[in-house]
């Protein structure tokens, strides 16, 4: 019923526009016939006046067949992980194609899409009708959560880890890999009591005790994000790396600081060698908790264990050979909603 009314209204508009231009054309012709001219100077309306009604009709007819693409959503910005409900407000189309800007596509009329990570995503809606199509684009802003925590599970217990908001590239990369279950069943392949426990090498999955591991990764690095606010106190989560001059981090390998007792003299030495100064609060933390200050400003710290430090003690108590535990310690990491 709605389509029939729409068709009647369209025809009514076209017929009335046509009548108006015909009347104007007849008026011009009547006026020009009253005035007498010599044969060589007979006045005729311009070419465009004669053709204008037909041109307008053609344009109107063409416009009626072109689809219009548009969509709306509920908020101006979202916090990751974000679920966005898109409402398709397009008209005149037979089918639709969505590109959500994160590599995901859909042909649903009004889809619901989840963005797991922060970023500005350019969403494109393509409306199609026959061979005609038109695009509508809009950015969707997804901000990072101020507090983001993950749970790292082992057979020795769980560790709850808070990820820092001032190291966004490392945090978002870590969350991306977690969402892909990248870390499931990987090993803590390097354990050095009084220093660190390290894991995240994809080559360690199902690795035998005789296999050399520790050099694997996802095939990319993450730029260093050093911050004087983040130090290698006991329980710090940091990114491993090789000796590249940019100090870029491994795309997946990380370590958690076990550390050892620190002294004021040792902290003074680090300050002198590295050319920076610890705050009084940072010095108090090191003196009370211990850590690995020699790593500060050399490796990116992007999180902290806030619960389950005893798991570190249980893992570092294992027998090792060339820093490899002689008992495989697997992990699973999940984001805490």
C-alpha atoms as a PDB file:
ATOM      1  CA  UNK A   1       0.000   0.000   0.000  1.00  0.00           C
ATOM      2  CA  UNK A   2       2.841   2.361   0.928  1.00  0.00           C
ATOM      3  CA  UNK A   3       4.696   1.682  -2.341  1.00  0.00           C
ATOM      4  CA  UNK A   4       1.470   2.325  -4.347  1.00  0.00           C
ATOM      5  CA  UNK A   5       0.914   5.694  -2.641  1.00  0.00           C
ATOM      6  CA  UNK A   6       4.534   6.632  -3.203  1.00  0.00           C
ATOM      7  CA  UNK A   7       4.200   5.806  -6.921  1.00  0.00           C
ATOM      8  CA  UNK A   8       0.973   7.891  -7.248  1.00  0.00           C
ATOM      9  CA  UNK A   9       2.611  10.854  -5.487  1.00  0.00           C
ATOM     10  CA  UNK A  10       5.676  10.683  -7.745  1.00  0.00           C
ATOM     11  CA  UNK A  11       3.503  10.687 -10.884  1.00  0.00           C
ATOM     12  CA  UNK A  12       1.396  13.581  -9.552  1.00  0.00           C
ATOM     13  CA  UNK A  13       4.515  15.712  -8.976  1.00  0.00           C
ATOM     14  CA  UNK A  14       5.959  14.939 -12.407  1.00  0.00           C
ATOM     15  CA  UNK A  15       2.658  15.705 -14.209  1.00  0.00           C
ATOM     16  CA  UNK A  16       2.230  19.054 -12.465  1.00  0.00           C
ATOM     17  CA  UNK A  17       5.809  20.172 -13.133  1.00  0.00           C
ATOM     18  CA  UNK A  18       5.323  19.245 -16.781  1.00  0.00           C
ATOM     19  CA  UNK A  19       2.056  21.278 -16.977  1.00  0.00           C
ATOM     20  CA  UNK A  20       3.747  24.352 -15.503  1.00  0.00           C
ATOM     21  CA  UNK A  21       6.545  24.296 -18.067  1.00  0.00           C
ATOM     22  CA  UNK A  22       4.105  23.691 -20.968  1.00  0.00           C
ATOM     23  CA  UNK A  23       2.021  26.701 -19.909  1.00  0.00           C
ATOM     24  CA  UNK A  24       5.114  28.887 -19.686  1.00  0.00           C
ATOM     25  CA  UNK A  25       6.227  27.710 -23.110  1.00  0.00           C
ATOM     26  CA  UNK A  26       2.813  28.519 -24.669  1.00  0.00           C
ATOM     27  CA  UNK A  27       2.875  31.936 -23.060  1.00  0.00           C
ATOM     28  CA  UNK A  28       6.286  32.675 -24.605  1.00  0.00           C
ATOM     29  CA  UNK A  29       5.092  31.541 -28.056  1.00  0.00           C
ATOM     30  CA  UNK A  30       1.867  33.637 -27.834  1.00  0.00           C
ATOM     31  CA  UNK A  31       3.811  36.735 -26.870  1.00  0.00           C
ATOM     32  CA  UNK A  32       6.302  36.329 -29.707  1.00  0.00           C
ATOM     33  CA  UNK A  33       3.491  35.907 -32.342  1.00  0.00           C
ATOM     34  CA  UNK A  34       1.956  39.328 -31.538  1.00  0.00           C
ATOM     35  CA  UNK A  35       5.111  41.240 -32.422  1.00  0.00           C
ATOM     36  CA  UNK A  36       5.847  41.627 -36.148  1.00  0.00           C
ATOM     37  CA  UNK A  37       9.380  41.021 -37.333  1.00  0.00           C
ATOM     38  CA  UNK A  38      11.025  40.842 -40.647  1.00  0.00           C
ATOM     39  CA  UNK A  39      11.778  37.285 -41.829  1.00  0.00           C
ATOM     40  CA  UNK A  40      15.470  37.700 -41.072  1.00  0.00           C
ATOM     41  CA  UNK A  41      14.846  38.800 -37.488  1.00  0.00           C
ATOM     42  CA  UNK A  42      12.090  36.453 -36.362  1.00  0.00           C
ATOM     43  CA  UNK A  43      12.468  35.909 -32.621  1.00  0.00           C
ATOM     44  CA  UNK A  44      12.410  32.407 -31.302  1.00  0.00           C
ATOM     45  CA  UNK A  45      12.712  31.357 -27.712  1.00  0.00           C
ATOM     46  CA  UNK A  46      16.169  30.025 -26.829  1.00  0.00           C
ATOM     47  CA  UNK A  47      16.848  26.386 -27.494  1.00  0.00           C
ATOM     48  CA  UNK A  48      16.959  25.587 -23.790  1.00  0.00           C
ATOM     49  CA  UNK A  49      13.472  27.025 -23.221  1.00  0.00           C
ATOM     50  CA  UNK A  50      11.962  24.603 -25.739  1.00  0.00           C
ATOM     51  CA  UNK A  51      13.785  21.654 -24.247  1.00  0.00           C
ATOM     52  CA  UNK A  52      13.620  22.574 -20.552  1.00  0.00           C
ATOM     53  CA  UNK A  53      10.440  20.621 -19.632  1.00  0.00           C
ATOM     54  CA  UNK A  54      11.838  17.485 -21.195  1.00  0.00           C
ATOM     55  CA  UNK A  55      15.263  17.939 -19.549  1.00  0.00           C
ATOM     56  CA  UNK A  56      13.626  18.385 -16.149  1.00  0.00           C
ATOM     57  CA  UNK A  57      11.476  15.300 -16.711  1.00  0.00           C
ATOM     58  CA  UNK A  58      14.528  13.233 -17.608  1.00  0.00           C
ATOM     59  CA  UNK A  59      16.393  14.470 -14.510  1.00  0.00           C
ATOM     60  CA  UNK A  60      13.440  13.724 -12.255  1.00  0.00           C
ATOM     61  CA  UNK A  61      12.989  10.265 -13.719  1.00  0.00           C
ATOM     62  CA  UNK A  62      16.703   9.499 -13.284  1.00  0.00           C
ATOM     63  CA  UNK A  63      16.705  10.775  -9.705  1.00  0.00           C
ATOM     64  CA  UNK A  64      13.798   8.527  -8.804  1.00  0.00           C
ATOM     65  CA  UNK A  65      15.929   5.463  -9.585  1.00  0.00           C
ATOM     66  CA  UNK A  66      19.058   6.412  -7.560  1.00  0.00           C
ATOM     67  CA  UNK A  67      19.324   4.876  -4.059  1.00  0.00           C
ATOM     68  CA  UNK A  68      20.273   7.022  -1.070  1.00  0.00           C
ATOM     69  CA  UNK A  69      22.632   5.665   1.606  1.00  0.00           C
ATOM     70  CA  UNK A  70      22.655   6.765   5.242  1.00  0.00           C
ATOM     71  CA  UNK A  71      22.726   5.294   8.736  1.00  0.00           C
ATOM     72  CA  UNK A  72      22.582   6.361  12.367  1.00  0.00           C
ATOM     73  CA  UNK A  73      23.865   4.961  15.668  1.00  0.00           C
ATOM     74  CA  UNK A  74      23.132   5.747  19.295  1.00  0.00           C
ATOM     75  CA  UNK A  75      26.244   7.458  20.688  1.00  0.00           C
ATOM     76  CA  UNK A  76      28.927   9.963  19.676  1.00  0.00           C
ATOM     77  CA  UNK A  77      31.685   7.825  21.200  1.00  0.00           C
ATOM     78  CA  UNK A  78      32.081   4.365  22.671  1.00  0.00           C
ATOM     79  CA  UNK A  79      34.414   2.634  25.138  1.00  0.00           C
ATOM     80  CA  UNK A  80      36.141  -0.579  24.085  1.00  0.00           C
ATOM     81  CA  UNK A  81      34.965  -3.265  23.938  1.00  0.00           C
ATOM     82  CA  UNK A  82      31.975  -1.553  22.315  1.00  0.00           C
ATOM     83  CA  UNK A  83      28.794  -2.965  20.786  1.00  0.00           C
ATOM     84  CA  UNK A  84      27.361  -0.607  18.164  1.00  0.00           C
ATOM     85  CA  UNK A  85      23.797  -0.904  16.872  1.00  0.00           C
ATOM     86  CA  UNK A  86      23.592   0.584  13.371  1.00  0.00           C
ATOM     87  CA  UNK A  87      20.222   1.744  12.037  1.00  0.00           C
ATOM     88  CA  UNK A  88      20.010   1.759   8.253  1.00  0.00           C
ATOM     89  CA  UNK A  89      18.091   4.866   7.103  1.00  0.00           C
ATOM     90  CA  UNK A  90      18.805   4.414   3.387  1.00  0.00           C
ATOM     91  CA  UNK A  91      16.063   4.621   0.773  1.00  0.00           C
ATOM     92  CA  UNK A  92      15.521   3.246  -2.703  1.00  0.00           C
ATOM     93  CA  UNK A  93      18.051   0.417  -2.435  1.00  0.00           C
ATOM     94  CA  UNK A  94      17.696  -3.288  -3.090  1.00  0.00           C
ATOM     95  CA  UNK A  95      20.701  -4.481  -1.080  1.00  0.00           C
ATOM     96  CA  UNK A  96      23.395  -3.147   1.239  1.00  0.00           C
ATOM     97  CA  UNK A  97      27.088  -3.730   1.917  1.00  0.00           C
ATOM     98  CA  UNK A  98      28.755  -2.680   5.186  1.00  0.00           C
ATOM     99  CA  UNK A  99      32.460  -2.206   5.874  1.00  0.00           C
ATOM    100  CA  UNK A 100      33.008  -1.568   9.587  1.00  0.00           C
ATOM    101  CA  UNK A 101      36.561  -0.250   9.195  1.00  0.00           C
ATOM    102  CA  UNK A 102      38.196  -3.083  11.127  1.00  0.00           C
ATOM    103  CA  UNK A 103      38.286  -5.624   8.311  1.00  0.00           C
ATOM    104  CA  UNK A 104      34.760  -6.939   8.972  1.00  0.00           C
ATOM    105  CA  UNK A 105      32.023  -6.884   6.313  1.00  0.00           C
ATOM    106  CA  UNK A 106      28.256  -7.493   6.442  1.00  0.00           C
ATOM    107  CA  UNK A 107      25.196  -7.444   4.178  1.00  0.00           C
ATOM    108  CA  UNK A 108      22.677  -7.223   7.026  1.00  0.00           C
ATOM    109  CA  UNK A 109      20.112  -4.442   6.818  1.00  0.00           C
ATOM    110  CA  UNK A 110      20.785  -2.911  10.267  1.00  0.00           C
ATOM    111  CA  UNK A 111      23.695  -4.829  11.808  1.00  0.00           C
ATOM    112  CA  UNK A 112      25.081  -4.962  15.338  1.00  0.00           C
ATOM    113  CA  UNK A 113      28.893  -4.877  15.424  1.00  0.00           C
ATOM    114  CA  UNK A 114      31.412  -5.214  18.250  1.00  0.00           C
ATOM    115  CA  UNK A 115      34.680  -3.289  18.306  1.00  0.00           C
ATOM    116  CA  UNK A 116      37.108  -5.013  20.661  1.00  0.00           C
ATOM    117  CA  UNK A 117      39.785  -2.314  20.561  1.00  0.00           C
ATOM    118  CA  UNK A 118      40.046   1.454  20.660  1.00  0.00           C
ATOM    119  CA  UNK A 119      40.449   3.526  17.493  1.00  0.00           C
ATOM    120  CA  UNK A 120      38.692   5.682  14.923  1.00  0.00           C
ATOM    121  CA  UNK A 121      36.932   3.356  12.483  1.00  0.00           C
ATOM    122  CA  UNK A 122      35.685   4.584   9.093  1.00  0.00           C
ATOM    123  CA  UNK A 123      32.364   2.806   8.489  1.00  0.00           C
ATOM    124  CA  UNK A 124      31.141   2.614   4.888  1.00  0.00           C
ATOM    125  CA  UNK A 125      27.595   1.717   3.850  1.00  0.00           C
ATOM    126  CA  UNK A 126      27.087   1.008   0.152  1.00  0.00           C
ATOM    127  CA  UNK A 127      23.456   1.076  -1.050  1.00  0.00           C
ATOM    128  CA  UNK A 128      22.828  -0.728  -4.353  1.00  0.00           C
ATOM    129  CA  UNK A 129      19.948  -0.766  -6.809  1.00  0.00           C
ATOM    130  CA  UNK A 130      20.553  -2.605 -10.055  1.00  0.00           C
ATOM    131  CA  UNK A 131      23.817  -1.261 -11.467  1.00  0.00           C
ATOM    132  CA  UNK A 132      23.604   1.931  -9.417  1.00  0.00           C
ATOM    133  CA  UNK A 133      25.236   2.374  -6.019  1.00  0.00           C
ATOM    134  CA  UNK A 134      26.072   5.153  -3.597  1.00  0.00           C
ATOM    135  CA  UNK A 135      28.272   5.237  -0.471  1.00  0.00           C
ATOM    136  CA  UNK A 136      27.814   6.866   2.908  1.00  0.00           C
ATOM    137  CA  UNK A 137      30.767   7.062   5.327  1.00  0.00           C
ATOM    138  CA  UNK A 138      31.100   8.058   8.961  1.00  0.00           C
ATOM    139  CA  UNK A 139      33.792   7.626  11.626  1.00  0.00           C
ATOM    140  CA  UNK A 140      33.008   5.660  14.774  1.00  0.00           C
ATOM    141  CA  UNK A 141      35.192   6.709  17.746  1.00  0.00           C
ATOM    142  CA  UNK A 142      36.004   3.941  20.211  1.00  0.00           C
ATOM    143  CA  UNK A 143      38.046   5.072  23.210  1.00  0.00           C
ATOM    144  CA  UNK A 144      40.158   2.920  25.469  1.00  0.00           C
ATOM    145  CA  UNK A 145      38.879   2.027  28.932  1.00  0.00           C
ATOM    146  CA  UNK A 146      40.560   3.935  31.747  1.00  0.00           C
ATOM    147  CA  UNK A 147      40.984   0.738  33.740  1.00  0.00           C
ATOM    148  CA  UNK A 148      41.499  -2.510  31.886  1.00  0.00           C
ATOM    149  CA  UNK A 149      42.290  -5.791  33.591  1.00  0.00           C
ATOM    150  CA  UNK A 150      43.052  -9.301  32.388  1.00  0.00           C
ATOM    151  CA  UNK A 151      43.323 -12.645  34.123  1.00  0.00           C
ATOM    152  CA  UNK A 152      46.323 -14.861  33.408  1.00  0.00           C
ATOM    153  CA  UNK A 153      45.586 -18.424  34.400  1.00  0.00           C
ATOM    154  CA  UNK A 154      48.118 -21.181  35.140  1.00  0.00           C
ATOM    155  CA  UNK A 155      47.988 -24.524  36.910  1.00  0.00           C
ATOM    156  CA  UNK A 156      49.558 -22.730  39.891  1.00  0.00           C
ATOM    157  CA  UNK A 157      46.791 -20.168  40.161  1.00  0.00           C
ATOM    158  CA  UNK A 158      45.604 -16.959  38.525  1.00  0.00           C
ATOM    159  CA  UNK A 159      47.137 -13.519  38.292  1.00  0.00           C
ATOM    160  CA  UNK A 160      44.973 -10.422  37.810  1.00  0.00           C
ATOM    161  CA  UNK A 161      46.853  -7.821  35.768  1.00  0.00           C
ATOM    162  CA  UNK A 162      45.944  -4.164  35.275  1.00  0.00           C
ATOM    163  CA  UNK A 163      46.977  -2.710  31.897  1.00  0.00           C
ATOM    164  CA  UNK A 164      48.151   0.902  31.853  1.00  0.00           C
ATOM    165  CA  UNK A 165      46.284   3.532  29.825  1.00  0.00           C
ATOM    166  CA  UNK A 166      49.461   5.530  29.083  1.00  0.00           C
ATOM    167  CA  UNK A 167      50.962   2.711  26.989  1.00  0.00           C
ATOM    168  CA  UNK A 168      48.032   2.357  24.557  1.00  0.00           C
ATOM    169  CA  UNK A 169      49.841   0.581  21.725  1.00  0.00           C
ATOM    170  CA  UNK A 170      51.100  -2.199  23.986  1.00  0.00           C
ATOM    171  CA  UNK A 171      47.789  -2.463  25.828  1.00  0.00           C
ATOM    172  CA  UNK A 172      45.706  -2.621  22.650  1.00  0.00           C
ATOM    173  CA  UNK A 173      48.051  -5.118  21.019  1.00  0.00           C
ATOM    174  CA  UNK A 174      47.928  -7.316  24.128  1.00  0.00           C
ATOM    175  CA  UNK A 175      44.112  -7.163  24.171  1.00  0.00           C
ATOM    176  CA  UNK A 176      43.941  -7.960  20.469  1.00  0.00           C
ATOM    177  CA  UNK A 177      46.034 -11.105  20.907  1.00  0.00           C
ATOM    178  CA  UNK A 178      43.988 -12.101  23.962  1.00  0.00           C
ATOM    179  CA  UNK A 179      40.744 -11.744  21.968  1.00  0.00           C
ATOM    180  CA  UNK A 180      42.255 -14.027  19.318  1.00  0.00           C
ATOM    181  CA  UNK A 181      43.177 -16.564  22.057  1.00  0.00           C
ATOM    182  CA  UNK A 182      46.749 -16.218  20.826  1.00  0.00           C
ATOM    183  CA  UNK A 183      48.235 -17.015  24.256  1.00  0.00           C
ATOM    184  CA  UNK A 184      46.189 -20.150  24.942  1.00  0.00           C
ATOM    185  CA  UNK A 185      48.513 -23.022  25.915  1.00  0.00           C
ATOM    186  CA  UNK A 186      51.734 -21.060  25.341  1.00  0.00           C
ATOM    187  CA  UNK A 187      54.506 -21.610  27.883  1.00  0.00           C
ATOM    188  CA  UNK A 188      56.446 -19.594  30.390  1.00  0.00           C
ATOM    189  CA  UNK A 189      59.576 -20.697  28.590  1.00  0.00           C
ATOM    190  CA  UNK A 190      62.101 -18.606  30.543  1.00  0.00           C
ATOM    191  CA  UNK A 191      62.205 -18.508  34.332  1.00  0.00           C
ATOM    192  CA  UNK A 192      64.976 -16.705  36.209  1.00  0.00           C
ATOM    193  CA  UNK A 193      64.397 -16.544  39.976  1.00  0.00           C
ATOM    194  CA  UNK A 194      65.016 -13.068  41.350  1.00  0.00           C
ATOM    195  CA  UNK A 195      64.561 -11.606  37.888  1.00  0.00           C
ATOM    196  CA  UNK A 196      61.608 -12.493  35.581  1.00  0.00           C
ATOM    197  CA  UNK A 197      59.241 -15.145  34.263  1.00  0.00           C
ATOM    198  CA  UNK A 198      58.813 -14.818  30.481  1.00  0.00           C
ATOM    199  CA  UNK A 199      56.346 -16.216  27.920  1.00  0.00           C
ATOM    200  CA  UNK A 200      54.377 -15.459  24.791  1.00  0.00           C
ATOM    201  CA  UNK A 201      56.465 -17.276  22.145  1.00  0.00           C
ATOM    202  CA  UNK A 202      54.000 -18.955  19.725  1.00  0.00           C
ATOM    203  CA  UNK A 203      56.634 -21.613  19.028  1.00  0.00           C
ATOM    204  CA  UNK A 204      56.314 -22.788  22.617  1.00  0.00           C
ATOM    205  CA  UNK A 205      52.851 -24.334  22.125  1.00  0.00           C
ATOM    206  CA  UNK A 206      53.204 -28.114  22.626  1.00  0.00           C
ATOM    207  CA  UNK A 207      56.992 -27.725  22.632  1.00  0.00           C
ATOM    208  CA  UNK A 208      59.017 -30.592  24.015  1.00  0.00           C
ATOM    209  CA  UNK A 209      61.524 -29.929  26.797  1.00  0.00           C
ATOM    210  CA  UNK A 210      64.389 -30.417  24.342  1.00  0.00           C
ATOM    211  CA  UNK A 211      63.121 -27.847  21.825  1.00  0.00           C
ATOM    212  CA  UNK A 212      64.834 -24.445  21.713  1.00  0.00           C
ATOM    213  CA  UNK A 213      62.245 -21.700  22.057  1.00  0.00           C
ATOM    214  CA  UNK A 214      62.193 -18.001  22.822  1.00  0.00           C
ATOM    215  CA  UNK A 215      62.661 -16.358  19.408  1.00  0.00           C
ATOM    216  CA  UNK A 216      59.107 -16.529  18.073  1.00  0.00           C
ATOM    217  CA  UNK A 217      56.492 -13.835  17.656  1.00  0.00           C
ATOM    218  CA  UNK A 218      53.514 -12.726  15.544  1.00  0.00           C
ATOM    219  CA  UNK A 219      55.695 -11.242  12.802  1.00  0.00           C
ATOM    220  CA  UNK A 220      55.711  -7.602  13.906  1.00  0.00           C
ATOM    221  CA  UNK A 221      57.030  -5.358  16.673  1.00  0.00           C
ATOM    222  CA  UNK A 222      55.430  -2.617  18.780  1.00  0.00           C
ATOM    223  CA  UNK A 223      57.134   0.806  19.088  1.00  0.00           C
ATOM    224  CA  UNK A 224      58.648   1.523  22.495  1.00  0.00           C
ATOM    225  CA  UNK A 225      56.433   3.440  24.934  1.00  0.00           C
ATOM    226  CA  UNK A 226      58.758   4.425  27.775  1.00  0.00           C
ATOM    227  CA  UNK A 227      57.284   6.362  30.668  1.00  0.00           C
ATOM    228  CA  UNK A 228      59.036   7.659  33.784  1.00  0.00           C
ATOM    229  CA  UNK A 229      55.831   6.781  35.637  1.00  0.00           C
ATOM    230  CA  UNK A 230      56.282   3.060  34.944  1.00  0.00           C
ATOM    231  CA  UNK A 231      59.041   1.093  36.642  1.00  0.00           C
ATOM    232  CA  UNK A 232      60.157  -2.536  36.970  1.00  0.00           C
ATOM    233  CA  UNK A 233      58.955  -3.075  40.505  1.00  0.00           C
ATOM    234  CA  UNK A 234      58.009  -6.642  41.501  1.00  0.00           C
ATOM    235  CA  UNK A 235      54.865  -7.698  39.601  1.00  0.00           C
ATOM    236  CA  UNK A 236      55.378  -5.326  36.655  1.00  0.00           C
ATOM    237  CA  UNK A 237      54.277  -6.602  33.234  1.00  0.00           C
ATOM    238  CA  UNK A 238      56.668  -5.580  30.457  1.00  0.00           C
ATOM    239  CA  UNK A 239      57.352  -6.381  26.820  1.00  0.00           C
ATOM    240  CA  UNK A 240      60.363  -8.466  25.836  1.00  0.00           C
ATOM    241  CA  UNK A 241      62.522  -7.452  22.870  1.00  0.00           C
ATOM    242  CA  UNK A 242      65.719  -8.193  21.017  1.00  0.00           C
ATOM    243  CA  UNK A 243      68.646  -5.770  20.806  1.00  0.00           C
ATOM    244  CA  UNK A 244      67.177  -3.599  18.019  1.00  0.00           C
ATOM    245  CA  UNK A 245      68.364   0.052  18.263  1.00  0.00           C
ATOM    246  CA  UNK A 246      64.806   1.438  18.379  1.00  0.00           C
ATOM    247  CA  UNK A 247      64.105  -0.748  21.436  1.00  0.00           C
ATOM    248  CA  UNK A 248      60.853  -1.837  19.781  1.00  0.00           C
ATOM    249  CA  UNK A 249      59.020  -4.549  21.675  1.00  0.00           C
ATOM    250  CA  UNK A 250      58.215  -8.079  20.596  1.00  0.00           C
ATOM    251  CA  UNK A 251      54.702  -8.314  19.212  1.00  0.00           C
ATOM    252  CA  UNK A 252      53.745 -11.025  21.708  1.00  0.00           C
ATOM    253  CA  UNK A 253      56.468 -11.948  24.210  1.00  0.00           C
ATOM    254  CA  UNK A 254      56.225 -10.451  27.670  1.00  0.00           C
ATOM    255  CA  UNK A 255      57.696 -10.933  31.122  1.00  0.00           C
ATOM    256  CA  UNK A 256      56.558 -10.407  34.689  1.00  0.00           C
ATOM    257  CA  UNK A 257      59.124  -9.125  37.174  1.00  0.00           C
ATOM    258  CA  UNK A 258      60.042 -11.332  40.108  1.00  0.00           C
ATOM    259  CA  UNK A 259      62.913  -9.079  41.096  1.00  0.00           C
ATOM    260  CA  UNK A 260      65.157  -8.973  44.071  1.00  0.00           C
ATOM    261  CA  UNK A 261      65.777  -6.711  47.033  1.00  0.00           C
ATOM    262  CA  UNK A 262      66.806  -3.176  46.093  1.00  0.00           C
ATOM    263  CA  UNK A 263      69.024  -0.737  47.969  1.00  0.00           C
ATOM    264  CA  UNK A 264      69.245   3.049  47.935  1.00  0.00           C
ATOM    265  CA  UNK A 265      72.808   2.779  46.612  1.00  0.00           C
ATOM    266  CA  UNK A 266      71.659   0.549  43.762  1.00  0.00           C
ATOM    267  CA  UNK A 267      68.927   3.005  42.789  1.00  0.00           C
ATOM    268  CA  UNK A 268      71.435   5.875  42.901  1.00  0.00           C
ATOM    269  CA  UNK A 269      73.669   3.942  40.522  1.00  0.00           C
ATOM    270  CA  UNK A 270      70.818   3.380  38.033  1.00  0.00           C
ATOM    271  CA  UNK A 271      69.918   7.070  38.169  1.00  0.00           C
ATOM    272  CA  UNK A 272      73.511   8.083  37.440  1.00  0.00           C
ATOM    273  CA  UNK A 273      73.927   5.599  34.575  1.00  0.00           C
ATOM    274  CA  UNK A 274      70.568   6.352  32.927  1.00  0.00           C
ATOM    275  CA  UNK A 275      70.366  10.086  33.562  1.00  0.00           C
ATOM    276  CA  UNK A 276      66.996  10.248  35.309  1.00  0.00           C
ATOM    277  CA  UNK A 277      65.709  10.425  38.869  1.00  0.00           C
ATOM    278  CA  UNK A 278      63.163   8.302  40.676  1.00  0.00           C
ATOM    279  CA  UNK A 279      60.387   9.997  42.613  1.00  0.00           C
ATOM    280  CA  UNK A 280      60.288   9.447  46.372  1.00  0.00           C
ATOM    281  CA  UNK A 281      57.266   7.171  45.880  1.00  0.00           C
ATOM    282  CA  UNK A 282      59.117   5.053  43.315  1.00  0.00           C
ATOM    283  CA  UNK A 283      62.147   4.710  45.570  1.00  0.00           C
ATOM    284  CA  UNK A 284      59.871   3.624  48.430  1.00  0.00           C
ATOM    285  CA  UNK A 285      58.254   0.998  46.199  1.00  0.00           C
ATOM    286  CA  UNK A 286      61.594  -0.434  45.116  1.00  0.00           C
ATOM    287  CA  UNK A 287      62.943  -0.519  48.665  1.00  0.00           C
ATOM    288  CA  UNK A 288      59.783  -2.187  49.976  1.00  0.00           C
ATOM    289  CA  UNK A 289      58.835  -4.556  47.114  1.00  0.00           C
ATOM    290  CA  UNK A 290      62.078  -5.109  45.220  1.00  0.00           C
ATOM    291  CA  UNK A 291      62.296  -5.356  41.443  1.00  0.00           C
ATOM    292  CA  UNK A 292      64.646  -4.973  38.484  1.00  0.00           C
ATOM    293  CA  UNK A 293      65.486  -1.247  38.200  1.00  0.00           C
ATOM    294  CA  UNK A 294      68.311  -1.958  35.751  1.00  0.00           C
ATOM    295  CA  UNK A 295      65.597  -2.508  33.095  1.00  0.00           C
ATOM    296  CA  UNK A 296      63.934   0.890  33.512  1.00  0.00           C
ATOM    297  CA  UNK A 297      63.733   2.987  30.315  1.00  0.00           C
ATOM    298  CA  UNK A 298      65.100   0.022  28.370  1.00  0.00           C
ATOM    299  CA  UNK A 299      61.949  -2.100  28.135  1.00  0.00           C
ATOM    300  CA  UNK A 300      58.307  -0.954  28.007  1.00  0.00           C
ATOM    301  CA  UNK A 301      56.318  -1.570  31.188  1.00  0.00           C
ATOM    302  CA  UNK A 302      52.610  -1.706  30.319  1.00  0.00           C
ATOM    303  CA  UNK A 303      50.897  -3.385  33.254  1.00  0.00           C
ATOM    304  CA  UNK A 304      51.029  -4.563  36.859  1.00  0.00           C
ATOM    305  CA  UNK A 305      49.958  -7.700  38.718  1.00  0.00           C
ATOM    306  CA  UNK A 306      47.390  -6.535  41.265  1.00  0.00           C
ATOM    307  CA  UNK A 307      46.425  -9.966  42.564  1.00  0.00           C
ATOM    308  CA  UNK A 308      48.176 -13.336  42.555  1.00  0.00           C
ATOM    309  CA  UNK A 309      51.844 -12.433  43.129  1.00  0.00           C
ATOM    310  CA  UNK A 310      52.248 -15.788  44.877  1.00  0.00           C
ATOM    311  CA  UNK A 311      51.903 -17.464  41.449  1.00  0.00           C
ATOM    312  CA  UNK A 312      55.253 -15.898  40.494  1.00  0.00           C
ATOM    313  CA  UNK A 313      56.853 -17.506  43.555  1.00  0.00           C
ATOM    314  CA  UNK A 314      55.452 -20.921  42.642  1.00  0.00           C
ATOM    315  CA  UNK A 315      56.742 -20.717  39.061  1.00  0.00           C
ATOM    316  CA  UNK A 316      60.203 -19.472  40.050  1.00  0.00           C
ATOM    317  CA  UNK A 317      60.462 -22.387  42.518  1.00  0.00           C
ATOM    318  CA  UNK A 318      60.461 -24.880  39.631  1.00  0.00           C
ATOM    319  CA  UNK A 319      63.634 -26.652  38.593  1.00  0.00           C
ATOM    320  CA  UNK A 320      65.135 -25.115  35.434  1.00  0.00           C
ATOM    321  CA  UNK A 321      67.782 -25.973  32.874  1.00  0.00           C
ATOM    322  CA  UNK A 322      69.254 -23.099  30.873  1.00  0.00           C
ATOM    323  CA  UNK A 323      66.401 -20.979  32.295  1.00  0.00           C
ATOM    324  CA  UNK A 324      63.802 -23.381  30.839  1.00  0.00           C
ATOM    325  CA  UNK A 325      61.493 -24.909  33.469  1.00  0.00           C
ATOM    326  CA  UNK A 326      61.700 -28.676  33.445  1.00  0.00           C
ATOM    327  CA  UNK A 327      57.941 -28.726  33.883  1.00  0.00           C
ATOM    328  CA  UNK A 328      55.878 -27.041  31.185  1.00  0.00           C
ATOM    329  CA  UNK A 329      53.830 -24.149  32.588  1.00  0.00           C
ATOM    330  CA  UNK A 330      51.026 -23.238  30.193  1.00  0.00           C
ATOM    331  CA  UNK A 331      48.900 -20.100  30.287  1.00  0.00           C
ATOM    332  CA  UNK A 332      45.495 -18.793  29.296  1.00  0.00           C
ATOM    333  CA  UNK A 333      44.701 -15.081  29.318  1.00  0.00           C
ATOM    334  CA  UNK A 334      41.242 -13.526  29.272  1.00  0.00           C
ATOM    335  CA  UNK A 335      40.052  -9.949  29.518  1.00  0.00           C
ATOM    336  CA  UNK A 336      37.967  -9.217  32.599  1.00  0.00           C
ATOM    337  CA  UNK A 337      34.714  -7.516  31.576  1.00  0.00           C
END
